[in-house]
Amino acid sequence: MSKKIVYENEEFNLLQAALNIEDGLEDLRYNNIVIATDADVDGMHIRLLLITFFLQFFPELIKEGHLYILQTPLFRVRDKKQTFYCYSEQERRDAIGKLVGKPEITRFKGLGEISPDEFKFFIGDDIRLDPVMMDKSITTEQLLEFYMGKNTQDRQKFIIDNLKVELDLAEEVK
Protein backbone atom coordinates (compact mmCIF):
# COMPACT_ATOMS: atom_id res chain seq x y z
CA MET A 1 0.00 0.00 0.00
CA SER A 2 1.65 3.23 -1.05
CA LYS A 3 1.28 6.46 0.90
CA LYS A 4 -0.29 8.04 -2.20
CA ILE A 5 -3.14 5.49 -2.08
CA VAL A 6 -3.66 6.16 1.64
CA TYR A 7 -3.74 9.91 1.13
CA GLU A 8 -6.37 9.43 -1.58
CA ASN A 9 -8.53 7.32 0.75
CA GLU A 10 -11.01 9.51 2.61
CA GLU A 11 -11.64 7.00 5.42
CA PHE A 12 -7.95 6.59 6.25
CA ASN A 13 -7.46 10.36 6.11
CA LEU A 14 -10.37 10.87 8.49
CA LEU A 15 -8.99 8.18 10.81
CA GLN A 16 -5.57 9.84 10.88
CA ALA A 17 -7.18 13.22 11.57
CA ALA A 18 -9.40 11.82 14.34
CA LEU A 19 -6.36 10.28 16.03
CA ASN A 20 -4.22 13.37 15.30
CA ILE A 21 -1.37 11.24 13.94
CA GLU A 22 -0.90 12.74 10.46
CA ASP A 23 2.54 14.09 11.43
CA GLY A 24 3.54 11.46 13.99
CA LEU A 25 2.45 9.96 17.29
CA GLU A 26 3.60 12.81 19.54
CA ASP A 27 0.10 14.33 19.63
CA LEU A 28 -1.89 11.07 19.67
CA ARG A 29 -5.38 12.08 20.78
CA TYR A 30 -6.36 8.76 22.42
CA ASN A 31 -4.24 6.36 24.42
CA ASN A 32 -6.34 3.31 23.47
CA ILE A 33 -7.52 2.73 19.92
CA VAL A 34 -10.20 0.05 19.75
CA ILE A 35 -11.15 -1.74 16.55
CA ALA A 36 -14.79 -2.80 16.76
CA THR A 37 -15.98 -4.95 13.86
CA ASP A 38 -18.55 -7.67 13.38
CA ALA A 39 -17.41 -11.14 14.42
CA ASP A 40 -17.96 -12.51 10.91
CA VAL A 41 -15.79 -12.91 7.81
CA ASP A 42 -16.47 -9.38 6.57
CA GLY A 43 -15.64 -7.97 9.99
CA MET A 44 -12.39 -9.95 10.06
CA HIS A 45 -11.42 -8.53 6.66
CA ILE A 46 -12.07 -4.99 7.88
CA ARG A 47 -10.09 -5.72 11.04
CA LEU A 48 -7.16 -7.03 9.01
CA LEU A 49 -7.26 -3.99 6.75
CA LEU A 50 -7.15 -1.61 9.73
CA ILE A 51 -4.36 -3.53 11.45
CA THR A 52 -2.41 -3.59 8.19
CA PHE A 53 -2.89 0.18 7.82
CA PHE A 54 -1.52 0.81 11.31
CA LEU A 55 1.27 -1.73 10.83
CA GLN A 56 2.34 -0.20 7.51
CA PHE A 57 2.18 3.48 8.43
CA PHE A 58 2.09 3.71 12.22
CA PRO A 59 3.77 0.56 13.63
CA GLU A 60 4.67 2.40 16.83
CA LEU A 61 0.96 2.44 17.75
CA ILE A 62 1.09 -1.34 17.92
CA LYS A 63 4.57 -1.58 19.41
CA GLU A 64 3.64 0.86 22.19
CA GLY A 65 0.42 -1.03 23.03
CA HIS A 66 -2.21 1.47 21.85
CA LEU A 67 -4.22 -0.85 19.55
CA TYR A 68 -6.95 -3.23 20.77
CA ILE A 69 -9.67 -5.41 19.30
CA LEU A 70 -13.09 -5.32 20.95
CA GLN A 71 -14.66 -8.71 21.46
CA THR A 72 -18.38 -8.51 20.88
CA PRO A 73 -20.88 -11.04 22.16
CA LEU A 74 -22.24 -13.67 19.80
CA PHE A 75 -25.31 -14.46 21.93
CA ARG A 76 -27.67 -12.98 24.45
CA VAL A 77 -29.17 -15.64 26.70
CA ARG A 78 -31.88 -14.60 29.16
CA ASP A 79 -34.94 -15.44 31.13
CA LYS A 80 -37.23 -13.06 33.03
CA LYS A 81 -34.64 -12.49 35.78
CA GLN A 82 -31.15 -12.73 34.26
CA THR A 83 -29.33 -11.84 31.05
CA PHE A 84 -25.95 -13.19 29.93
CA TYR A 85 -23.87 -11.98 27.00
CA CYS A 86 -21.88 -14.88 25.59
CA TYR A 87 -18.78 -14.78 23.43
CA SER A 88 -18.60 -18.47 22.51
CA GLU A 89 -20.72 -21.61 22.29
CA GLN A 90 -19.34 -22.78 25.63
CA GLU A 91 -20.36 -19.57 27.36
CA ARG A 92 -23.81 -19.89 25.75
CA ARG A 93 -24.22 -23.43 27.08
CA ASP A 94 -23.02 -22.37 30.55
CA ALA A 95 -25.50 -19.46 30.59
CA ILE A 96 -28.38 -21.75 29.61
CA GLY A 97 -27.47 -23.99 32.54
CA LYS A 98 -27.78 -21.07 34.97
CA LEU A 99 -31.31 -20.12 33.88
CA VAL A 100 -34.63 -21.54 34.97
CA GLY A 101 -37.12 -22.69 32.33
CA LYS A 102 -36.82 -22.12 28.63
CA PRO A 103 -34.24 -19.41 27.84
CA GLU A 104 -34.60 -16.79 25.15
CA ILE A 105 -31.50 -16.96 22.93
CA THR A 106 -30.55 -14.24 20.46
CA ARG A 107 -27.71 -14.80 18.00
CA PHE A 108 -26.02 -11.51 17.15
CA LYS A 109 -24.86 -11.53 13.55
CA GLY A 110 -23.30 -8.08 13.77
CA LEU A 111 -22.89 -4.95 15.84
CA GLY A 112 -25.94 -3.41 14.17
CA GLU A 113 -28.18 -6.01 15.83
CA ILE A 114 -27.14 -4.94 19.31
CA SER A 115 -29.22 -2.05 20.59
CA PRO A 116 -27.42 1.01 21.97
CA ASP A 117 -29.05 0.36 25.35
CA GLU A 118 -27.39 -3.08 25.48
CA PHE A 119 -23.87 -1.86 24.75
CA LYS A 120 -23.51 -0.59 28.31
CA PHE A 121 -23.65 -4.18 29.57
CA PHE A 122 -20.44 -5.25 27.85
CA ILE A 123 -18.58 -1.99 27.18
CA GLY A 124 -18.24 -1.06 30.87
CA ASP A 125 -16.32 -2.94 33.52
CA ASP A 126 -16.81 -6.24 31.69
CA ILE A 127 -15.31 -5.03 28.40
CA ARG A 128 -13.21 -7.62 26.60
CA LEU A 129 -10.29 -6.08 24.77
CA ASP A 130 -7.57 -8.06 23.06
CA PRO A 131 -4.33 -6.11 22.64
CA VAL A 132 -2.78 -6.21 19.18
CA MET A 133 0.80 -7.24 19.80
CA MET A 134 3.81 -7.93 17.64
CA ASP A 135 6.24 -10.78 18.05
CA LYS A 136 9.56 -9.02 18.58
CA SER A 137 11.38 -11.71 16.59
CA ILE A 138 9.44 -10.81 13.42
CA THR A 139 10.00 -7.53 11.60
CA THR A 140 7.15 -5.36 10.38
CA GLU A 141 8.23 -6.07 6.81
CA GLN A 142 8.08 -9.84 7.35
CA LEU A 143 4.64 -9.58 8.90
CA LEU A 144 3.27 -7.43 6.08
CA GLU A 145 4.79 -9.71 3.46
CA PHE A 146 3.16 -12.76 5.04
CA TYR A 147 -0.32 -11.26 5.38
CA MET A 148 -0.38 -9.06 2.30
CA GLY A 149 2.26 -10.57 0.00
CA LYS A 150 2.11 -13.08 -2.84
CA ASN A 151 2.55 -16.20 -0.67
CA THR A 152 -1.03 -17.31 -1.17
CA GLN A 153 -0.45 -21.01 -0.43
CA ASP A 154 1.45 -20.39 2.81
CA ARG A 155 -1.19 -17.92 3.99
CA GLN A 156 -4.01 -20.32 3.04
CA LYS A 157 -2.34 -23.14 5.00
CA PHE A 158 -1.91 -20.84 8.01
CA ILE A 159 -5.58 -19.81 7.92
CA ILE A 160 -6.78 -23.42 7.60
CA ASP A 161 -4.48 -24.59 10.41
CA ASN A 162 -5.68 -21.79 12.71
CA LEU A 163 -9.34 -21.64 11.73
CA LYS A 164 -11.88 -21.71 14.55
CA VAL A 165 -15.37 -22.74 13.58
CA GLU A 166 -18.25 -21.61 15.78
CA LEU A 167 -21.34 -23.62 14.99
CA ASP A 168 -24.64 -21.88 15.46
CA LEU A 169 -26.27 -24.32 17.84
CA ALA A 170 -28.81 -21.84 19.22
CA GLU A 171 -31.56 -23.48 17.18
CA GLU A 172 -31.01 -26.80 18.98
CA VAL A 173 -32.13 -25.45 22.36
CA LYS A 174 -35.75 -26.30 23.10
C-alpha atoms as a PDB file:
ATOM      1  CA  MET A   1       0.000   0.000   0.000  1.00  0.00           C
ATOM      2  CA  SER A   2       1.645   3.231  -1.051  1.00  0.00           C
ATOM      3  CA  LYS A   3       1.278   6.463   0.904  1.00  0.00           C
ATOM      4  CA  LYS A   4      -0.290   8.043  -2.197  1.00  0.00           C
ATOM      5  CA  ILE A   5      -3.141   5.492  -2.079  1.00  0.00           C
ATOM      6  CA  VAL A   6      -3.663   6.161   1.643  1.00  0.00           C
ATOM      7  CA  TYR A   7      -3.742   9.913   1.127  1.00  0.00           C
ATOM      8  CA  GLU A   8      -6.374   9.432  -1.580  1.00  0.00           C
ATOM      9  CA  ASN A   9      -8.533   7.318   0.748  1.00  0.00           C
ATOM     10  CA  GLU A  10     -11.006   9.511   2.612  1.00  0.00           C
ATOM     11  CA  GLU A  11     -11.640   7.004   5.423  1.00  0.00           C
ATOM     12  CA  PHE A  12      -7.946   6.585   6.253  1.00  0.00           C
ATOM     13  CA  ASN A  13      -7.460  10.357   6.106  1.00  0.00           C
ATOM     14  CA  LEU A  14     -10.373  10.869   8.495  1.00  0.00           C
ATOM     15  CA  LEU A  15      -8.986   8.179  10.811  1.00  0.00           C
ATOM     16  CA  GLN A  16      -5.567   9.838  10.876  1.00  0.00           C
ATOM     17  CA  ALA A  17      -7.177  13.218  11.572  1.00  0.00           C
ATOM     18  CA  ALA A  18      -9.398  11.824  14.342  1.00  0.00           C
ATOM     19  CA  LEU A  19      -6.362  10.279  16.031  1.00  0.00           C
ATOM     20  CA  ASN A  20      -4.221  13.368  15.301  1.00  0.00           C
ATOM     21  CA  ILE A  21      -1.371  11.242  13.941  1.00  0.00           C
ATOM     22  CA  GLU A  22      -0.899  12.739  10.464  1.00  0.00           C
ATOM     23  CA  ASP A  23       2.538  14.093  11.430  1.00  0.00           C
ATOM     24  CA  GLY A  24       3.542  11.460  13.988  1.00  0.00           C
ATOM     25  CA  LEU A  25       2.449   9.963  17.292  1.00  0.00           C
ATOM     26  CA  GLU A  26       3.598  12.815  19.539  1.00  0.00           C
ATOM     27  CA  ASP A  27       0.098  14.325  19.629  1.00  0.00           C
ATOM     28  CA  LEU A  28      -1.892  11.068  19.674  1.00  0.00           C
ATOM     29  CA  ARG A  29      -5.384  12.081  20.785  1.00  0.00           C
ATOM     30  CA  TYR A  30      -6.364   8.760  22.418  1.00  0.00           C
ATOM     31  CA  ASN A  31      -4.237   6.360  24.418  1.00  0.00           C
ATOM     32  CA  ASN A  32      -6.336   3.314  23.468  1.00  0.00           C
ATOM     33  CA  ILE A  33      -7.524   2.730  19.924  1.00  0.00           C
ATOM     34  CA  VAL A  34     -10.201   0.052  19.751  1.00  0.00           C
ATOM     35  CA  ILE A  35     -11.152  -1.740  16.548  1.00  0.00           C
ATOM     36  CA  ALA A  36     -14.791  -2.798  16.764  1.00  0.00           C
ATOM     37  CA  THR A  37     -15.981  -4.950  13.858  1.00  0.00           C
ATOM     38  CA  ASP A  38     -18.548  -7.666  13.380  1.00  0.00           C
ATOM     39  CA  ALA A  39     -17.405 -11.141  14.418  1.00  0.00           C
ATOM     40  CA  ASP A  40     -17.964 -12.514  10.909  1.00  0.00           C
ATOM     41  CA  VAL A  41     -15.790 -12.913   7.808  1.00  0.00           C
ATOM     42  CA  ASP A  42     -16.468  -9.384   6.567  1.00  0.00           C
ATOM     43  CA  GLY A  43     -15.637  -7.971   9.987  1.00  0.00           C
ATOM     44  CA  MET A  44     -12.395  -9.955  10.064  1.00  0.00           C
ATOM     45  CA  HIS A  45     -11.421  -8.532   6.665  1.00  0.00           C
ATOM     46  CA  ILE A  46     -12.068  -4.993   7.876  1.00  0.00           C
ATOM     47  CA  ARG A  47     -10.093  -5.720  11.045  1.00  0.00           C
ATOM     48  CA  LEU A  48      -7.156  -7.034   9.005  1.00  0.00           C
ATOM     49  CA  LEU A  49      -7.264  -3.985   6.746  1.00  0.00           C
ATOM     50  CA  LEU A  50      -7.149  -1.610   9.727  1.00  0.00           C
ATOM     51  CA  ILE A  51      -4.363  -3.534  11.453  1.00  0.00           C
ATOM     52  CA  THR A  52      -2.412  -3.586   8.191  1.00  0.00           C
ATOM     53  CA  PHE A  53      -2.892   0.176   7.818  1.00  0.00           C
ATOM     54  CA  PHE A  54      -1.524   0.810  11.314  1.00  0.00           C
ATOM     55  CA  LEU A  55       1.270  -1.726  10.833  1.00  0.00           C
ATOM     56  CA  GLN A  56       2.335  -0.204   7.514  1.00  0.00           C
ATOM     57  CA  PHE A  57       2.178   3.478   8.426  1.00  0.00           C
ATOM     58  CA  PHE A  58       2.090   3.711  12.224  1.00  0.00           C
ATOM     59  CA  PRO A  59       3.773   0.564  13.627  1.00  0.00           C
ATOM     60  CA  GLU A  60       4.665   2.404  16.834  1.00  0.00           C
ATOM     61  CA  LEU A  61       0.956   2.442  17.753  1.00  0.00           C
ATOM     62  CA  ILE A  62       1.095  -1.344  17.921  1.00  0.00           C
ATOM     63  CA  LYS A  63       4.574  -1.581  19.412  1.00  0.00           C
ATOM     64  CA  GLU A  64       3.640   0.860  22.194  1.00  0.00           C
ATOM     65  CA  GLY A  65       0.421  -1.034  23.032  1.00  0.00           C
ATOM     66  CA  HIS A  66      -2.208   1.470  21.846  1.00  0.00           C
ATOM     67  CA  LEU A  67      -4.222  -0.846  19.546  1.00  0.00           C
ATOM     68  CA  TYR A  68      -6.945  -3.233  20.768  1.00  0.00           C
ATOM     69  CA  ILE A  69      -9.670  -5.406  19.301  1.00  0.00           C
ATOM     70  CA  LEU A  70     -13.086  -5.323  20.950  1.00  0.00           C
ATOM     71  CA  GLN A  71     -14.656  -8.713  21.456  1.00  0.00           C
ATOM     72  CA  THR A  72     -18.376  -8.509  20.881  1.00  0.00           C
ATOM     73  CA  PRO A  73     -20.878 -11.044  22.159  1.00  0.00           C
ATOM     74  CA  LEU A  74     -22.238 -13.667  19.802  1.00  0.00           C
ATOM     75  CA  PHE A  75     -25.306 -14.463  21.933  1.00  0.00           C
ATOM     76  CA  ARG A  76     -27.669 -12.977  24.453  1.00  0.00           C
ATOM     77  CA  VAL A  77     -29.173 -15.644  26.704  1.00  0.00           C
ATOM     78  CA  ARG A  78     -31.880 -14.603  29.157  1.00  0.00           C
ATOM     79  CA  ASP A  79     -34.939 -15.437  31.126  1.00  0.00           C
ATOM     80  CA  LYS A  80     -37.228 -13.060  33.029  1.00  0.00           C
ATOM     81  CA  LYS A  81     -34.637 -12.493  35.782  1.00  0.00           C
ATOM     82  CA  GLN A  82     -31.153 -12.733  34.259  1.00  0.00           C
ATOM     83  CA  THR A  83     -29.329 -11.836  31.050  1.00  0.00           C
ATOM     84  CA  PHE A  84     -25.954 -13.185  29.926  1.00  0.00           C
ATOM     85  CA  TYR A  85     -23.866 -11.984  27.003  1.00  0.00           C
ATOM     86  CA  CYS A  86     -21.877 -14.884  25.593  1.00  0.00           C
ATOM     87  CA  TYR A  87     -18.777 -14.779  23.430  1.00  0.00           C
ATOM     88  CA  SER A  88     -18.598 -18.472  22.510  1.00  0.00           C
ATOM     89  CA  GLU A  89     -20.717 -21.607  22.287  1.00  0.00           C
ATOM     90  CA  GLN A  90     -19.339 -22.782  25.633  1.00  0.00           C
ATOM     91  CA  GLU A  91     -20.363 -19.567  27.364  1.00  0.00           C
ATOM     92  CA  ARG A  92     -23.812 -19.890  25.749  1.00  0.00           C
ATOM     93  CA  ARG A  93     -24.219 -23.435  27.084  1.00  0.00           C
ATOM     94  CA  ASP A  94     -23.020 -22.368  30.546  1.00  0.00           C
ATOM     95  CA  ALA A  95     -25.503 -19.463  30.591  1.00  0.00           C
ATOM     96  CA  ILE A  96     -28.376 -21.752  29.611  1.00  0.00           C
ATOM     97  CA  GLY A  97     -27.474 -23.993  32.545  1.00  0.00           C
ATOM     98  CA  LYS A  98     -27.781 -21.066  34.965  1.00  0.00           C
ATOM     99  CA  LEU A  99     -31.307 -20.116  33.883  1.00  0.00           C
ATOM    100  CA  VAL A 100     -34.634 -21.544  34.970  1.00  0.00           C
ATOM    101  CA  GLY A 101     -37.118 -22.691  32.333  1.00  0.00           C
ATOM    102  CA  LYS A 102     -36.817 -22.125  28.628  1.00  0.00           C
ATOM    103  CA  PRO A 103     -34.243 -19.406  27.839  1.00  0.00           C
ATOM    104  CA  GLU A 104     -34.597 -16.785  25.146  1.00  0.00           C
ATOM    105  CA  ILE A 105     -31.499 -16.956  22.930  1.00  0.00           C
ATOM    106  CA  THR A 106     -30.547 -14.245  20.465  1.00  0.00           C
ATOM    107  CA  ARG A 107     -27.707 -14.803  18.001  1.00  0.00           C
ATOM    108  CA  PHE A 108     -26.017 -11.509  17.151  1.00  0.00           C
ATOM    109  CA  LYS A 109     -24.856 -11.531  13.548  1.00  0.00           C
ATOM    110  CA  GLY A 110     -23.302  -8.085  13.768  1.00  0.00           C
ATOM    111  CA  LEU A 111     -22.892  -4.951  15.839  1.00  0.00           C
ATOM    112  CA  GLY A 112     -25.938  -3.408  14.167  1.00  0.00           C
ATOM    113  CA  GLU A 113     -28.176  -6.009  15.825  1.00  0.00           C
ATOM    114  CA  ILE A 114     -27.138  -4.941  19.310  1.00  0.00           C
ATOM    115  CA  SER A 115     -29.223  -2.046  20.592  1.00  0.00           C
ATOM    116  CA  PRO A 116     -27.420   1.013  21.971  1.00  0.00           C
ATOM    117  CA  ASP A 117     -29.052   0.355  25.345  1.00  0.00           C
ATOM    118  CA  GLU A 118     -27.395  -3.077  25.480  1.00  0.00           C
ATOM    119  CA  PHE A 119     -23.870  -1.858  24.747  1.00  0.00           C
ATOM    120  CA  LYS A 120     -23.508  -0.591  28.307  1.00  0.00           C
ATOM    121  CA  PHE A 121     -23.648  -4.179  29.574  1.00  0.00           C
ATOM    122  CA  PHE A 122     -20.440  -5.247  27.850  1.00  0.00           C
ATOM    123  CA  ILE A 123     -18.582  -1.989  27.182  1.00  0.00           C
ATOM    124  CA  GLY A 124     -18.243  -1.058  30.867  1.00  0.00           C
ATOM    125  CA  ASP A 125     -16.325  -2.944  33.522  1.00  0.00           C
ATOM    126  CA  ASP A 126     -16.813  -6.244  31.694  1.00  0.00           C
ATOM    127  CA  ILE A 127     -15.311  -5.028  28.404  1.00  0.00           C
ATOM    128  CA  ARG A 128     -13.208  -7.616  26.604  1.00  0.00           C
ATOM    129  CA  LEU A 129     -10.290  -6.076  24.770  1.00  0.00           C
ATOM    130  CA  ASP A 130      -7.565  -8.060  23.060  1.00  0.00           C
ATOM    131  CA  PRO A 131      -4.331  -6.107  22.640  1.00  0.00           C
ATOM    132  CA  VAL A 132      -2.784  -6.213  19.177  1.00  0.00           C
ATOM    133  CA  MET A 133       0.801  -7.241  19.800  1.00  0.00           C
ATOM    134  CA  MET A 134       3.813  -7.930  17.645  1.00  0.00           C
ATOM    135  CA  ASP A 135       6.242 -10.780  18.045  1.00  0.00           C
ATOM    136  CA  LYS A 136       9.561  -9.021  18.585  1.00  0.00           C
ATOM    137  CA  SER A 137      11.377 -11.710  16.587  1.00  0.00           C
ATOM    138  CA  ILE A 138       9.440 -10.811  13.416  1.00  0.00           C
ATOM    139  CA  THR A 139       9.998  -7.532  11.596  1.00  0.00           C
ATOM    140  CA  THR A 140       7.154  -5.362  10.377  1.00  0.00           C
ATOM    141  CA  GLU A 141       8.228  -6.066   6.808  1.00  0.00           C
ATOM    142  CA  GLN A 142       8.080  -9.844   7.347  1.00  0.00           C
ATOM    143  CA  LEU A 143       4.642  -9.583   8.899  1.00  0.00           C
ATOM    144  CA  LEU A 144       3.267  -7.426   6.083  1.00  0.00           C
ATOM    145  CA  GLU A 145       4.792  -9.713   3.465  1.00  0.00           C
ATOM    146  CA  PHE A 146       3.157 -12.762   5.040  1.00  0.00           C
ATOM    147  CA  TYR A 147      -0.323 -11.264   5.375  1.00  0.00           C
ATOM    148  CA  MET A 148      -0.375  -9.058   2.298  1.00  0.00           C
ATOM    149  CA  GLY A 149       2.256 -10.570  -0.001  1.00  0.00           C
ATOM    150  CA  LYS A 150       2.110 -13.077  -2.841  1.00  0.00           C
ATOM    151  CA  ASN A 151       2.552 -16.197  -0.672  1.00  0.00           C
ATOM    152  CA  THR A 152      -1.035 -17.309  -1.170  1.00  0.00           C
ATOM    153  CA  GLN A 153      -0.449 -21.011  -0.435  1.00  0.00           C
ATOM    154  CA  ASP A 154       1.450 -20.388   2.810  1.00  0.00           C
ATOM    155  CA  ARG A 155      -1.188 -17.921   3.992  1.00  0.00           C
ATOM    156  CA  GLN A 156      -4.007 -20.317   3.042  1.00  0.00           C
ATOM    157  CA  LYS A 157      -2.339 -23.141   5.004  1.00  0.00           C
ATOM    158  CA  PHE A 158      -1.910 -20.836   8.009  1.00  0.00           C
ATOM    159  CA  ILE A 159      -5.581 -19.815   7.916  1.00  0.00           C
ATOM    160  CA  ILE A 160      -6.782 -23.420   7.597  1.00  0.00           C
ATOM    161  CA  ASP A 161      -4.483 -24.587  10.409  1.00  0.00           C
ATOM    162  CA  ASN A 162      -5.679 -21.787  12.712  1.00  0.00           C
ATOM    163  CA  LEU A 163      -9.344 -21.635  11.734  1.00  0.00           C
ATOM    164  CA  LYS A 164     -11.877 -21.708  14.553  1.00  0.00           C
ATOM    165  CA  VAL A 165     -15.373 -22.743  13.578  1.00  0.00           C
ATOM    166  CA  GLU A 166     -18.249 -21.607  15.779  1.00  0.00           C
ATOM    167  CA  LEU A 167     -21.336 -23.620  14.986  1.00  0.00           C
ATOM    168  CA  ASP A 168     -24.636 -21.879  15.462  1.00  0.00           C
ATOM    169  CA  LEU A 169     -26.274 -24.317  17.845  1.00  0.00           C
ATOM    170  CA  ALA A 170     -28.811 -21.838  19.217  1.00  0.00           C
ATOM    171  CA  GLU A 171     -31.564 -23.475  17.185  1.00  0.00           C
ATOM    172  CA  GLU A 172     -31.011 -26.796  18.977  1.00  0.00           C
ATOM    173  CA  VAL A 173     -32.133 -25.451  22.355  1.00  0.00           C
ATOM    174  CA  LYS A 174     -35.751 -26.298  23.102  1.00  0.00           C
END
